[in-house]
Protein backbone atom coordinates (compact mmCIF):
# COMPACT_ATOMS: atom_id res chain seq x y z
CA UNK A 1 24.95 3.65 8.71
CA UNK A 2 22.14 4.70 6.40
CA UNK A 3 20.47 2.27 4.05
CA UNK A 4 20.04 3.18 0.42
CA UNK A 5 18.32 1.63 -2.56
CA UNK A 6 20.76 0.65 -5.26
CA UNK A 7 20.10 -0.19 -8.89
CA UNK A 8 22.90 -2.60 -9.72
CA UNK A 9 22.71 -5.01 -12.66
CA UNK A 10 22.48 -8.67 -11.67
CA UNK A 11 25.80 -10.49 -11.52
CA UNK A 12 27.87 -7.39 -10.74
CA UNK A 13 29.71 -6.92 -7.49
CA UNK A 14 29.44 -3.99 -5.14
CA UNK A 15 31.44 -3.00 -2.12
CA UNK A 16 29.21 -3.45 0.92
CA UNK A 17 27.94 -0.19 2.48
CA UNK A 18 29.80 1.98 -0.04
CA UNK A 19 28.18 1.59 -3.45
CA UNK A 20 26.63 5.04 -3.27
CA UNK A 21 25.60 6.93 -6.38
CA UNK A 22 25.36 10.61 -5.53
CA UNK A 23 22.83 11.45 -8.25
CA UNK A 24 25.26 13.80 -9.98
CA UNK A 25 26.99 11.06 -11.90
CA UNK A 26 29.60 10.53 -9.21
CA UNK A 27 30.15 7.45 -7.10
CA UNK A 28 31.54 7.60 -3.58
CA UNK A 29 34.91 5.89 -3.52
CA UNK A 30 36.02 5.29 0.08
CA UNK A 31 39.65 5.23 1.12
CA UNK A 32 41.24 1.74 1.23
CA UNK A 33 41.01 1.66 5.04
CA UNK A 34 37.20 1.82 4.83
CA UNK A 35 36.71 -0.64 2.00
CA UNK A 36 35.14 -4.01 2.68
CA UNK A 37 35.20 -7.13 0.58
CA UNK A 38 33.05 -7.21 -2.59
CA UNK A 39 29.57 -8.66 -2.31
CA UNK A 40 27.83 -10.45 -5.18
CA UNK A 41 24.55 -8.64 -5.88
CA UNK A 42 22.70 -11.92 -6.50
CA UNK A 43 23.36 -13.09 -2.93
CA UNK A 44 22.47 -9.88 -1.08
CA UNK A 45 19.19 -10.21 0.78
CA UNK A 46 17.17 -7.01 0.69
CA UNK A 47 13.56 -6.31 1.49
CA UNK A 48 11.73 -6.44 -1.76
CA UNK A 49 9.08 -4.01 -2.90
CA UNK A 50 7.80 -6.81 -5.10
CA UNK A 51 7.32 -9.13 -2.12
CA UNK A 52 5.33 -6.49 -0.21
CA UNK A 53 3.28 -5.84 -3.35
CA UNK A 54 2.66 -9.58 -3.64
CA UNK A 55 1.45 -9.71 -0.03
CA UNK A 56 -0.87 -6.77 -0.68
CA UNK A 57 -2.19 -8.45 -3.85
CA UNK A 58 -2.88 -11.62 -1.85
CA UNK A 59 -4.83 -9.58 0.71
CA UNK A 60 -6.75 -7.83 -2.06
CA UNK A 61 -7.73 -11.18 -3.60
CA UNK A 62 -9.30 -12.14 -0.28
CA UNK A 63 -11.58 -9.10 -0.56
CA UNK A 64 -14.64 -8.56 -2.66
CA UNK A 65 -16.72 -5.52 -3.48
CA UNK A 66 -20.49 -5.26 -3.25
CA UNK A 67 -22.46 -2.48 -4.86
CA UNK A 68 -25.98 -1.80 -3.61
CA UNK A 69 -28.43 1.06 -3.87
CA UNK A 70 -30.01 2.22 -0.60
CA UNK A 71 -33.73 2.20 -1.35
CA UNK A 72 -34.65 5.02 1.04
CA UNK A 73 -31.91 7.38 -0.10
CA UNK A 74 -31.64 6.13 -3.69
CA UNK A 75 -27.86 6.28 -3.18
CA UNK A 76 -25.07 3.91 -4.19
CA UNK A 77 -23.43 2.04 -1.30
CA UNK A 78 -20.09 0.27 -1.84
CA UNK A 79 -18.90 -2.35 0.64
CA UNK A 80 -15.44 -3.97 0.77
CA UNK A 81 -15.94 -7.47 2.17
CA UNK A 82 -13.42 -10.00 3.51
CA UNK A 83 -14.17 -13.03 1.33
CA UNK A 84 -13.02 -15.48 4.01
CA UNK A 85 -15.11 -14.17 6.91
CA UNK A 86 -17.80 -12.21 5.01
CA UNK A 87 -17.04 -9.26 7.33
CA UNK A 88 -17.47 -5.69 6.05
CA UNK A 89 -14.00 -4.12 6.04
CA UNK A 90 -15.02 -0.71 4.71
CA UNK A 91 -18.21 0.92 3.48
CA UNK A 92 -18.74 4.08 1.43
CA UNK A 93 -20.75 6.00 2.56
CA UNK A 94 -20.47 4.79 6.15
CA UNK A 95 -23.42 3.40 8.11
CA UNK A 96 -23.34 6.54 10.27
CA UNK A 97 -23.56 8.79 7.22
CA UNK A 98 -26.49 6.79 5.84
CA UNK A 99 -28.27 6.92 9.21
CA UNK A 100 -27.80 10.72 9.41
CA UNK A 101 -29.14 11.18 5.89
CA UNK A 102 -32.20 9.05 6.68
CA UNK A 103 -32.79 10.99 9.91
CA UNK A 104 -32.55 14.28 7.97
CA UNK A 105 -35.21 13.06 5.53
CA UNK A 106 -37.42 12.02 8.46
CA UNK A 107 -37.04 15.45 10.13
CA UNK A 108 -37.77 17.25 6.84
CA UNK A 109 -41.00 15.24 6.49
CA UNK A 110 -42.05 16.19 10.03
CA UNK A 111 -41.26 19.88 9.54
CA UNK A 112 -42.45 20.42 5.99
CA UNK A 113 -44.98 17.62 5.54
């Protein structure tokens, strides 16, 4: 059985597993032997995109952004910080990239004065 997302107005009834809109304006109408009892849309439990979006929003609220300028490179550094633990979750550019850029400047000074 495949799961499908259905847009059914609240309060209407659907036939479980068979309320399939084909996209061409047609609705699949199963033979009576395959029909099941109607299900009230308000009582059907489905995973909600809104609930996952709410969870993501909660996670995002627990994060803060810090903007700094690296003094050696004169370059903007953005850090995403977990507000609860003060841990750096993500940094742009990465520490490795900053270290390579600083090393490149150091080598250029040695080679070209």
